[in-house]
Amino acid sequence: LFFGYYPIVKSLLEKLKLRFLEWALKLLIFNVAMVSAYFLLINLFG
């Protein structure tokens, strides 16, 4: 949900012209991934 694909997606995000947008998307991806990962771990995997 994060560590595997993020290094690949990171290089795509860094092609954006606006640094603010780049970092906003990076932080959004991180937060959504972490919340989703722990939600799954707690609720699906018990």
All heavy atoms as atom14 arrays in JSON, in Angstrom:
{
  "sequence": "LFFGYYPIVKSLLEKLKLRFLEWALKLLIFNVAMVSAYFLLINLFG",
  "atom14_mask": [
    [1, 1, 1, 1, 1, 1, 1, 1, 0, 0, 0, 0, 0, 0],
    [1, 1, 1, 1, 1, 1, 1, 1, 1, 1, 1, 0, 0, 0],
    [1, 1, 1, 1, 1, 1, 1, 1, 1, 1, 1, 0, 0, 0],
    [1, 1, 1, 1, 0, 0, 0, 0, 0, 0, 0, 0, 0, 0],
    [1, 1, 1, 1, 1, 1, 1, 1, 1, 1, 1, 1, 0, 0],
    [1, 1, 1, 1, 1, 1, 1, 1, 1, 1, 1, 1, 0, 0],
    [1, 1, 1, 1, 1, 1, 1, 0, 0, 0, 0, 0, 0, 0],
    [1, 1, 1, 1, 1, 1, 1, 1, 0, 0, 0, 0, 0, 0],
    [1, 1, 1, 1, 1, 1, 1, 0, 0, 0, 0, 0, 0, 0],
    [1, 1, 1, 1, 1, 1, 1, 1, 1, 0, 0, 0, 0, 0],
    [1, 1, 1, 1, 1, 1, 0, 0, 0, 0, 0, 0, 0, 0],
    [1, 1, 1, 1, 1, 1, 1, 1, 0, 0, 0, 0, 0, 0],
    [1, 1, 1, 1, 1, 1, 1, 1, 0, 0, 0, 0, 0, 0],
    [1, 1, 1, 1, 1, 1, 1, 1, 1, 0, 0, 0, 0, 0],
    [1, 1, 1, 1, 1, 1, 1, 1, 1, 0, 0, 0, 0, 0],
    [1, 1, 1, 1, 1, 1, 1, 1, 0, 0, 0, 0, 0, 0],
    [1, 1, 1, 1, 1, 1, 1, 1, 1, 0, 0, 0, 0, 0],
    [1, 1, 1, 1, 1, 1, 1, 1, 0, 0, 0, 0, 0, 0],
    [1, 1, 1, 1, 1, 1, 1, 1, 1, 1, 1, 0, 0, 0],
    [1, 1, 1, 1, 1, 1, 1, 1, 1, 1, 1, 0, 0, 0],
    [1, 1, 1, 1, 1, 1, 1, 1, 0, 0, 0, 0, 0, 0],
    [1, 1, 1, 1, 1, 1, 1, 1, 1, 0, 0, 0, 0, 0],
    [1, 1, 1, 1, 1, 1, 1, 1, 1, 1, 1, 1, 1, 1],
    [1, 1, 1, 1, 1, 0, 0, 0, 0, 0, 0, 0, 0, 0],
    [1, 1, 1, 1, 1, 1, 1, 1, 0, 0, 0, 0, 0, 0],
    [1, 1, 1, 1, 1, 1, 1, 1, 1, 0, 0, 0, 0, 0],
    [1, 1, 1, 1, 1, 1, 1, 1, 0, 0, 0, 0, 0, 0],
    [1, 1, 1, 1, 1, 1, 1, 1, 0, 0, 0, 0, 0, 0],
    [1, 1, 1, 1, 1, 1, 1, 1, 0, 0, 0, 0, 0, 0],
    [1, 1, 1, 1, 1, 1, 1, 1, 1, 1, 1, 0, 0, 0],
    [1, 1, 1, 1, 1, 1, 1, 1, 0, 0, 0, 0, 0, 0],
    [1, 1, 1, 1, 1, 1, 1, 0, 0, 0, 0, 0, 0, 0],
    [1, 1, 1, 1, 1, 0, 0, 0, 0, 0, 0, 0, 0, 0],
    [1, 1, 1, 1, 1, 1, 1, 1, 0, 0, 0, 0, 0, 0],
    [1, 1, 1, 1, 1, 1, 1, 0, 0, 0, 0, 0, 0, 0],
    [1, 1, 1, 1, 1, 1, 0, 0, 0, 0, 0, 0, 0, 0],
    [1, 1, 1, 1, 1, 0, 0, 0, 0, 0, 0, 0, 0, 0],
    [1, 1, 1, 1, 1, 1, 1, 1, 1, 1, 1, 1, 0, 0],
    [1, 1, 1, 1, 1, 1, 1, 1, 1, 1, 1, 0, 0, 0],
    [1, 1, 1, 1, 1, 1, 1, 1, 0, 0, 0, 0, 0, 0],
    [1, 1, 1, 1, 1, 1, 1, 1, 0, 0, 0, 0, 0, 0],
    [1, 1, 1, 1, 1, 1, 1, 1, 0, 0, 0, 0, 0, 0],
    [1, 1, 1, 1, 1, 1, 1, 1, 0, 0, 0, 0, 0, 0],
    [1, 1, 1, 1, 1, 1, 1, 1, 0, 0, 0, 0, 0, 0],
    [1, 1, 1, 1, 1, 1, 1, 1, 1, 1, 1, 0, 0, 0],
    [1, 1, 1, 1, 0, 0, 0, 0, 0, 0, 0, 0, 0, 0]
  ],
  "atom14_positions": [
    [[0.78, -1.23, 0.0], [0.0, 0.0, 0.0], [0.82, 1.29, 0.0], [0.26, 2.37, -0.16], [-0.98, 0.01, 1.17], [-2.14, -0.96, 1.05], [-3.05, -0.88, 2.27], [-2.95, -0.69, -0.22], [0.0, 0.0, 0.0], [0.0, 0.0, 0.0], [0.0, 0.0, 0.0], [0.0, 0.0, 0.0], [0.0, 0.0, 0.0], [0.0, 0.0, 0.0]],
    [[2.15, 1.16, 0.18], [2.94, 2.39, 0.1], [4.39, 2.18, -0.33], [4.8, 2.67, -1.36], [2.92, 3.14, 1.44], [3.69, 4.42, 1.37], [3.21, 5.49, 0.63], [4.91, 4.56, 1.99], [3.94, 6.68, 0.52], [5.65, 5.73, 1.88], [5.15, 6.79, 1.16], [0.0, 0.0, 0.0], [0.0, 0.0, 0.0], [0.0, 0.0, 0.0]],
    [[5.18, 1.49, 0.46], [6.62, 1.46, 0.25], [7.04, 0.85, -1.09], [8.1, 1.19, -1.61], [7.33, 0.72, 1.39], [7.27, 1.44, 2.69], [6.62, 0.89, 3.78], [7.86, 2.69, 2.83], [6.57, 1.56, 4.99], [7.81, 3.37, 4.04], [7.16, 2.8, 5.12], [0.0, 0.0, 0.0], [0.0, 0.0, 0.0], [0.0, 0.0, 0.0]],
    [[6.23, -0.01, -1.65], [6.59, -0.65, -2.9], [6.4, 0.24, -4.12], [7.27, 0.31, -4.99], [0.0, 0.0, 0.0], [0.0, 0.0, 0.0], [0.0, 0.0, 0.0], [0.0, 0.0, 0.0], [0.0, 0.0, 0.0], [0.0, 0.0, 0.0], [0.0, 0.0, 0.0], [0.0, 0.0, 0.0], [0.0, 0.0, 0.0], [0.0, 0.0, 0.0]],
    [[5.27, 0.91, -4.19], [5.0, 1.71, -5.39], [5.45, 3.16, -5.25], [5.67, 3.84, -6.25], [3.52, 1.66, -5.79], [2.6, 2.39, -4.85], [2.41, 3.76, -4.96], [1.94, 1.71, -3.84], [1.58, 4.44, -4.09], [1.1, 2.38, -2.97], [0.93, 3.74, -3.1], [0.11, 4.4, -2.25], [0.0, 0.0, 0.0], [0.0, 0.0, 0.0]],
    [[5.58, 3.66, -4.03], [5.9, 5.09, -3.87], [7.2, 5.5, -4.57], [7.22, 6.54, -5.25], [5.93, 5.52, -2.4], [6.26, 6.98, -2.3], [5.32, 7.94, -2.66], [7.54, 7.42, -1.97], [5.64, 9.29, -2.65], [7.86, 8.75, -1.95], [6.91, 9.69, -2.29], [7.22, 11.02, -2.3], [0.0, 0.0, 0.0], [0.0, 0.0, 0.0]],
    [[8.29, 4.75, -4.45], [9.5, 5.18, -5.16], [9.32, 5.26, -6.68], [9.98, 6.06, -7.34], [10.54, 4.1, -4.8], [10.07, 3.59, -3.48], [8.57, 3.6, -3.58], [0.0, 0.0, 0.0], [0.0, 0.0, 0.0], [0.0, 0.0, 0.0], [0.0, 0.0, 0.0], [0.0, 0.0, 0.0], [0.0, 0.0, 0.0], [0.0, 0.0, 0.0]],
    [[8.4, 4.48, -7.22], [8.13, 4.53, -8.66], [7.29, 5.76, -8.98], [7.59, 6.52, -9.91], [7.4, 3.24, -9.11], [8.26, 2.02, -8.8], [7.06, 3.3, -10.6], [7.52, 0.69, -8.91], [0.0, 0.0, 0.0], [0.0, 0.0, 0.0], [0.0, 0.0, 0.0], [0.0, 0.0, 0.0], [0.0, 0.0, 0.0], [0.0, 0.0, 0.0]],
    [[6.24, 5.98, -8.2], [5.34, 7.11, -8.42], [6.04, 8.44, -8.12], [5.75, 9.45, -8.76], [4.07, 6.94, -7.53], [3.21, 8.18, -7.55], [3.28, 5.73, -7.98], [0.0, 0.0, 0.0], [0.0, 0.0, 0.0], [0.0, 0.0, 0.0], [0.0, 0.0, 0.0], [0.0, 0.0, 0.0], [0.0, 0.0, 0.0], [0.0, 0.0, 0.0]],
    [[6.97, 8.42, -7.19], [7.7, 9.63, -6.8], [8.33, 10.31, -8.01], [8.22, 11.53, -8.17], [8.78, 9.25, -5.78], [9.76, 10.35, -5.44], [10.82, 9.8, -4.49], [11.98, 10.71, -4.26], [11.73, 12.1, -4.16], [0.0, 0.0, 0.0], [0.0, 0.0, 0.0], [0.0, 0.0, 0.0], [0.0, 0.0, 0.0], [0.0, 0.0, 0.0]],
    [[8.94, 9.53, -8.86], [9.6, 10.14, -10.02], [8.58, 10.78, -10.98], [8.89, 11.76, -11.65], [10.47, 9.12, -10.75], [9.69, 8.05, -11.2], [0.0, 0.0, 0.0], [0.0, 0.0, 0.0], [0.0, 0.0, 0.0], [0.0, 0.0, 0.0], [0.0, 0.0, 0.0], [0.0, 0.0, 0.0], [0.0, 0.0, 0.0], [0.0, 0.0, 0.0]],
    [[7.38, 10.22, -11.03], [6.33, 10.83, -11.85], [5.85, 12.14, -11.24], [5.62, 13.13, -11.95], [5.16, 9.86, -12.02], [5.43, 8.6, -12.82], [4.27, 7.63, -12.7], [5.7, 8.95, -14.27], [0.0, 0.0, 0.0], [0.0, 0.0, 0.0], [0.0, 0.0, 0.0], [0.0, 0.0, 0.0], [0.0, 0.0, 0.0], [0.0, 0.0, 0.0]],
    [[5.69, 12.14, -9.92], [5.23, 13.35, -9.24], [6.25, 14.48, -9.35], [5.87, 15.66, -9.4], [4.94, 13.06, -7.76], [3.76, 12.14, -7.47], [3.69, 11.78, -6.0], [2.47, 12.79, -7.93], [0.0, 0.0, 0.0], [0.0, 0.0, 0.0], [0.0, 0.0, 0.0], [0.0, 0.0, 0.0], [0.0, 0.0, 0.0], [0.0, 0.0, 0.0]],
    [[7.51, 14.12, -9.4], [8.55, 15.15, -9.45], [8.66, 15.81, -10.83], [9.41, 16.75, -11.0], [9.88, 14.57, -8.98], [9.84, 14.32, -7.49], [11.08, 13.67, -6.93], [11.92, 13.17, -7.71], [11.19, 13.65, -5.7], [0.0, 0.0, 0.0], [0.0, 0.0, 0.0], [0.0, 0.0, 0.0], [0.0, 0.0, 0.0], [0.0, 0.0, 0.0]],
    [[7.89, 15.33, -11.79], [7.85, 15.97, -13.1], [6.86, 17.14, -13.12], [6.82, 17.89, -14.09], [7.46, 14.95, -14.17], [8.55, 13.93, -14.41], [8.14, 12.93, -15.46], [9.26, 11.92, -15.68], [8.92, 10.93, -16.68], [0.0, 0.0, 0.0], [0.0, 0.0, 0.0], [0.0, 0.0, 0.0], [0.0, 0.0, 0.0], [0.0, 0.0, 0.0]],
    [[6.06, 17.26, -12.06], [5.12, 18.38, -11.96], [5.89, 19.69, -11.85], [6.94, 19.75, -11.2], [4.2, 18.2, -10.75], [3.25, 17.0, -10.79], [2.54, 16.84, -9.46], [2.24, 17.16, -11.91], [0.0, 0.0, 0.0], [0.0, 0.0, 0.0], [0.0, 0.0, 0.0], [0.0, 0.0, 0.0], [0.0, 0.0, 0.0], [0.0, 0.0, 0.0]],
    [[5.36, 20.73, -12.43], [6.03, 22.03, -12.42], [5.89, 22.74, -11.07], [6.78, 23.44, -10.63], [5.46, 22.93, -13.53], [5.59, 22.35, -14.91], [6.99, 22.47, -15.42], [7.06, 22.01, -16.85], [8.24, 21.26, -17.15], [0.0, 0.0, 0.0], [0.0, 0.0, 0.0], [0.0, 0.0, 0.0], [0.0, 0.0, 0.0], [0.0, 0.0, 0.0]],
    [[4.74, 22.58, -10.43], [4.49, 23.27, -9.17], [4.95, 22.42, -7.99], [4.42, 21.34, -7.75], [3.0, 23.58, -9.02], [2.38, 24.49, -10.09], [0.88, 24.55, -9.93], [2.98, 25.88, -9.99], [0.0, 0.0, 0.0], [0.0, 0.0, 0.0], [0.0, 0.0, 0.0], [0.0, 0.0, 0.0], [0.0, 0.0, 0.0], [0.0, 0.0, 0.0]],
    [[5.93, 22.91, -7.25], [6.46, 22.18, -6.09], [5.39, 21.97, -5.02], [5.34, 20.93, -4.38], [7.65, 22.91, -5.48], [8.88, 22.79, -6.29], [9.5, 21.42, -6.07], [10.65, 21.28, -6.93], [10.87, 20.24, -7.7], [10.05, 19.25, -7.71], [11.93, 20.19, -8.45], [0.0, 0.0, 0.0], [0.0, 0.0, 0.0], [0.0, 0.0, 0.0]],
    [[4.55, 22.99, -4.83], [3.49, 22.87, -3.83], [2.56, 21.71, -4.16], [2.22, 20.9, -3.29], [2.7, 24.18, -3.72], [1.49, 24.06, -2.84], [1.64, 24.07, -1.45], [0.23, 23.89, -3.38], [0.53, 23.92, -0.62], [-0.88, 23.75, -2.55], [-0.73, 23.76, -1.17], [0.0, 0.0, 0.0], [0.0, 0.0, 0.0], [0.0, 0.0, 0.0]],
    [[2.17, 21.61, -5.41], [1.28, 20.53, -5.84], [1.98, 19.18, -5.7], [1.37, 18.2, -5.25], [0.84, 20.75, -7.29], [-0.11, 19.7, -7.88], [-1.4, 19.62, -7.08], [-0.39, 20.02, -9.34], [0.0, 0.0, 0.0], [0.0, 0.0, 0.0], [0.0, 0.0, 0.0], [0.0, 0.0, 0.0], [0.0, 0.0, 0.0], [0.0, 0.0, 0.0]],
    [[3.25, 19.13, -6.07], [4.03, 17.89, -5.94], [4.02, 17.4, -4.5], [3.71, 16.24, -4.22], [5.47, 18.15, -6.4], [6.42, 17.02, -6.11], [7.87, 17.43, -6.29], [8.16, 18.31, -7.13], [8.72, 16.86, -5.58], [0.0, 0.0, 0.0], [0.0, 0.0, 0.0], [0.0, 0.0, 0.0], [0.0, 0.0, 0.0], [0.0, 0.0, 0.0]],
    [[4.35, 18.29, -3.56], [4.41, 17.89, -2.15], [3.02, 17.61, -1.58], [2.86, 16.72, -0.74], [5.16, 18.94, -1.32], [6.63, 18.7, -1.41], [7.52, 19.38, -2.17], [7.36, 17.67, -0.75], [8.77, 18.84, -2.02], [8.71, 17.8, -1.14], [7.02, 16.66, 0.15], [9.71, 16.95, -0.69], [8.03, 15.82, 0.62], [9.35, 15.97, 0.19]],
    [[2.03, 18.36, -2.02], [0.66, 18.1, -1.55], [0.22, 16.7, -1.97], [-0.36, 15.95, -1.16], [-0.3, 19.16, -2.1], [0.0, 0.0, 0.0], [0.0, 0.0, 0.0], [0.0, 0.0, 0.0], [0.0, 0.0, 0.0], [0.0, 0.0, 0.0], [0.0, 0.0, 0.0], [0.0, 0.0, 0.0], [0.0, 0.0, 0.0], [0.0, 0.0, 0.0]],
    [[0.52, 16.32, -3.2], [0.16, 14.98, -3.68], [0.96, 13.89, -2.97], [0.42, 12.84, -2.62], [0.34, 14.88, -5.19], [-0.69, 15.64, -6.02], [-0.29, 15.64, -7.5], [-2.08, 15.05, -5.84], [0.0, 0.0, 0.0], [0.0, 0.0, 0.0], [0.0, 0.0, 0.0], [0.0, 0.0, 0.0], [0.0, 0.0, 0.0], [0.0, 0.0, 0.0]],
    [[2.23, 14.15, -2.75], [3.06, 13.17, -2.03], [2.52, 12.93, -0.62], [2.39, 11.79, -0.19], [4.52, 13.65, -1.95], [5.28, 13.56, -3.24], [6.7, 14.09, -3.04], [7.54, 13.97, -4.29], [8.92, 14.46, -4.08], [0.0, 0.0, 0.0], [0.0, 0.0, 0.0], [0.0, 0.0, 0.0], [0.0, 0.0, 0.0], [0.0, 0.0, 0.0]],
    [[2.22, 14.02, 0.08], [1.7, 13.89, 1.44], [0.31, 13.24, 1.45], [0.0, 12.45, 2.35], [1.68, 15.24, 2.14], [3.06, 15.77, 2.52], [2.99, 17.24, 2.89], [3.66, 14.96, 3.66], [0.0, 0.0, 0.0], [0.0, 0.0, 0.0], [0.0, 0.0, 0.0], [0.0, 0.0, 0.0], [0.0, 0.0, 0.0], [0.0, 0.0, 0.0]],
    [[-0.5, 13.56, 0.47], [-1.82, 12.93, 0.36], [-1.68, 11.42, 0.15], [-2.35, 10.64, 0.82], [-2.62, 13.56, -0.78], [-4.0, 12.95, -1.03], [-4.93, 13.26, 0.14], [-4.58, 13.48, -2.33], [0.0, 0.0, 0.0], [0.0, 0.0, 0.0], [0.0, 0.0, 0.0], [0.0, 0.0, 0.0], [0.0, 0.0, 0.0], [0.0, 0.0, 0.0]],
    [[-0.81, 11.04, -0.78], [-0.58, 9.61, -1.03], [-0.11, 8.92, 0.23], [-0.61, 7.84, 0.6], [0.43, 9.41, -2.19], [-0.21, 9.83, -3.51], [0.93, 7.98, -2.25], [0.77, 9.93, -4.67], [0.0, 0.0, 0.0], [0.0, 0.0, 0.0], [0.0, 0.0, 0.0], [0.0, 0.0, 0.0], [0.0, 0.0, 0.0], [0.0, 0.0, 0.0]],
    [[0.85, 9.52, 0.92], [1.37, 8.92, 2.15], [0.27, 8.74, 3.2], [0.11, 7.66, 3.77], [2.51, 9.76, 2.74], [2.93, 9.31, 4.1], [3.69, 8.16, 4.25], [2.56, 10.01, 5.23], [4.07, 7.72, 5.51], [2.94, 9.58, 6.49], [3.7, 8.44, 6.63], [0.0, 0.0, 0.0], [0.0, 0.0, 0.0], [0.0, 0.0, 0.0]],
    [[-0.49, 9.8, 3.46], [-1.5, 9.74, 4.51], [-2.63, 8.77, 4.18], [-3.06, 8.0, 5.04], [-2.03, 11.14, 4.82], [-1.04, 11.93, 5.62], [-0.84, 11.68, 6.79], [-0.37, 12.88, 4.97], [0.0, 0.0, 0.0], [0.0, 0.0, 0.0], [0.0, 0.0, 0.0], [0.0, 0.0, 0.0], [0.0, 0.0, 0.0], [0.0, 0.0, 0.0]],
    [[-3.09, 8.78, 2.94], [-4.14, 7.84, 2.53], [-3.62, 6.41, 2.63], [-4.32, 5.52, 3.13], [-4.65, 8.16, 1.1], [-5.52, 7.04, 0.56], [-5.42, 9.48, 1.1], [0.0, 0.0, 0.0], [0.0, 0.0, 0.0], [0.0, 0.0, 0.0], [0.0, 0.0, 0.0], [0.0, 0.0, 0.0], [0.0, 0.0, 0.0], [0.0, 0.0, 0.0]],
    [[-2.39, 6.19, 2.19], [-1.81, 4.85, 2.24], [-1.66, 4.36, 3.67], [-2.01, 3.2, 3.99], [-0.46, 4.84, 1.53], [0.0, 0.0, 0.0], [0.0, 0.0, 0.0], [0.0, 0.0, 0.0], [0.0, 0.0, 0.0], [0.0, 0.0, 0.0], [0.0, 0.0, 0.0], [0.0, 0.0, 0.0], [0.0, 0.0, 0.0], [0.0, 0.0, 0.0]],
    [[-1.17, 5.2, 4.57], [-0.95, 4.76, 5.95], [-2.27, 4.5, 6.68], [-2.43, 3.49, 7.36], [-0.13, 5.8, 6.73], [1.31, 5.84, 6.34], [2.16, 4.27, 6.58], [2.7, 3.92, 4.93], [0.0, 0.0, 0.0], [0.0, 0.0, 0.0], [0.0, 0.0, 0.0], [0.0, 0.0, 0.0], [0.0, 0.0, 0.0], [0.0, 0.0, 0.0]],
    [[-3.22, 5.4, 6.5], [-4.52, 5.2, 7.15], [-5.18, 3.94, 6.58], [-5.72, 3.11, 7.34], [-5.43, 6.45, 6.98], [-6.85, 6.16, 7.41], [-4.85, 7.63, 7.77], [0.0, 0.0, 0.0], [0.0, 0.0, 0.0], [0.0, 0.0, 0.0], [0.0, 0.0, 0.0], [0.0, 0.0, 0.0], [0.0, 0.0, 0.0], [0.0, 0.0, 0.0]],
    [[-5.12, 3.75, 5.28], [-5.7, 2.56, 4.66], [-5.01, 1.29, 5.13], [-5.65, 0.28, 5.42], [-5.6, 2.64, 3.13], [-6.28, 3.75, 2.65], [0.0, 0.0, 0.0], [0.0, 0.0, 0.0], [0.0, 0.0, 0.0], [0.0, 0.0, 0.0], [0.0, 0.0, 0.0], [0.0, 0.0, 0.0], [0.0, 0.0, 0.0], [0.0, 0.0, 0.0]],
    [[-3.68, 1.32, 5.19], [-2.91, 0.15, 5.59], [-3.28, -0.28, 7.01], [-3.56, -1.46, 7.26], [-1.41, 0.43, 5.5], [0.0, 0.0, 0.0], [0.0, 0.0, 0.0], [0.0, 0.0, 0.0], [0.0, 0.0, 0.0], [0.0, 0.0, 0.0], [0.0, 0.0, 0.0], [0.0, 0.0, 0.0], [0.0, 0.0, 0.0], [0.0, 0.0, 0.0]],
    [[-3.31, 0.66, 7.92], [-3.6, 0.29, 9.3], [-5.08, -0.03, 9.51], [-5.42, -0.86, 10.34], [-3.07, 1.34, 10.28], [-1.58, 1.16, 10.43], [-0.68, 1.97, 9.75], [-1.07, 0.11, 11.19], [0.67, 1.76, 9.85], [0.28, -0.11, 11.3], [1.15, 0.72, 10.62], [2.5, 0.49, 10.72], [0.0, 0.0, 0.0], [0.0, 0.0, 0.0]],
    [[-5.95, 0.59, 8.73], [-7.36, 0.21, 8.78], [-7.52, -1.25, 8.37], [-8.22, -2.02, 9.02], [-8.2, 1.13, 7.88], [-9.65, 0.78, 7.88], [-10.47, 1.25, 8.9], [-10.21, 0.0, 6.89], [-11.83, 0.93, 8.92], [-11.55, -0.33, 6.91], [-12.37, 0.14, 7.93], [0.0, 0.0, 0.0], [0.0, 0.0, 0.0], [0.0, 0.0, 0.0]],
    [[-6.86, -1.64, 7.26], [-6.91, -3.03, 6.81], [-6.28, -3.99, 7.81], [-6.83, -5.06, 8.09], [-6.2, -3.18, 5.46], [-6.95, -2.73, 4.24], [-6.05, -2.79, 3.01], [-8.18, -3.58, 4.01], [0.0, 0.0, 0.0], [0.0, 0.0, 0.0], [0.0, 0.0, 0.0], [0.0, 0.0, 0.0], [0.0, 0.0, 0.0], [0.0, 0.0, 0.0]],
    [[-5.13, -3.61, 8.33], [-4.44, -4.48, 9.28], [-5.27, -4.72, 10.53], [-5.33, -5.84, 11.04], [-3.08, -3.89, 9.66], [-2.01, -3.96, 8.58], [-0.84, -3.06, 8.92], [-1.55, -5.41, 8.4], [0.0, 0.0, 0.0], [0.0, 0.0, 0.0], [0.0, 0.0, 0.0], [0.0, 0.0, 0.0], [0.0, 0.0, 0.0], [0.0, 0.0, 0.0]],
    [[-5.93, -3.7, 10.99], [-6.73, -3.83, 12.23], [-8.05, -4.52, 11.95], [-8.45, -5.44, 12.68], [-6.94, -2.43, 12.87], [-5.59, -1.92, 13.4], [-7.98, -2.5, 13.98], [-5.57, -0.44, 13.74], [0.0, 0.0, 0.0], [0.0, 0.0, 0.0], [0.0, 0.0, 0.0], [0.0, 0.0, 0.0], [0.0, 0.0, 0.0], [0.0, 0.0, 0.0]],
    [[-8.74, -4.13, 10.9], [-10.09, -4.64, 10.66], [-10.16, -5.91, 9.81], [-11.01, -6.75, 10.04], [-10.96, -3.55, 10.03], [-11.17, -2.41, 10.99], [-11.58, -2.61, 12.13], [-10.84, -1.21, 10.56], [0.0, 0.0, 0.0], [0.0, 0.0, 0.0], [0.0, 0.0, 0.0], [0.0, 0.0, 0.0], [0.0, 0.0, 0.0], [0.0, 0.0, 0.0]],
    [[-9.28, -6.03, 8.82], [-9.32, -7.21, 7.95], [-8.44, -8.34, 8.48], [-8.85, -9.5, 8.49], [-8.89, -6.82, 6.53], [-8.98, -7.92, 5.48], [-10.43, -8.35, 5.27], [-8.4, -7.43, 4.16], [0.0, 0.0, 0.0], [0.0, 0.0, 0.0], [0.0, 0.0, 0.0], [0.0, 0.0, 0.0], [0.0, 0.0, 0.0], [0.0, 0.0, 0.0]],
    [[-7.23, -7.99, 8.92], [-6.31, -9.0, 9.39], [-6.39, -9.22, 10.91], [-5.7, -10.07, 11.45], [-4.87, -8.66, 8.99], [-4.64, -8.74, 7.51], [-4.47, -7.59, 6.76], [-4.59, -9.97, 6.87], [-4.26, -7.66, 5.4], [-4.38, -10.05, 5.51], [-4.22, -8.9, 4.76], [0.0, 0.0, 0.0], [0.0, 0.0, 0.0], [0.0, 0.0, 0.0]],
    [[-7.21, -8.44, 11.59], [-7.45, -8.63, 13.01], [-6.26, -8.31, 13.91], [-6.14, -8.88, 14.99], [0.0, 0.0, 0.0], [0.0, 0.0, 0.0], [0.0, 0.0, 0.0], [0.0, 0.0, 0.0], [0.0, 0.0, 0.0], [0.0, 0.0, 0.0], [0.0, 0.0, 0.0], [0.0, 0.0, 0.0], [0.0, 0.0, 0.0], [0.0, 0.0, 0.0]]
  ]
}
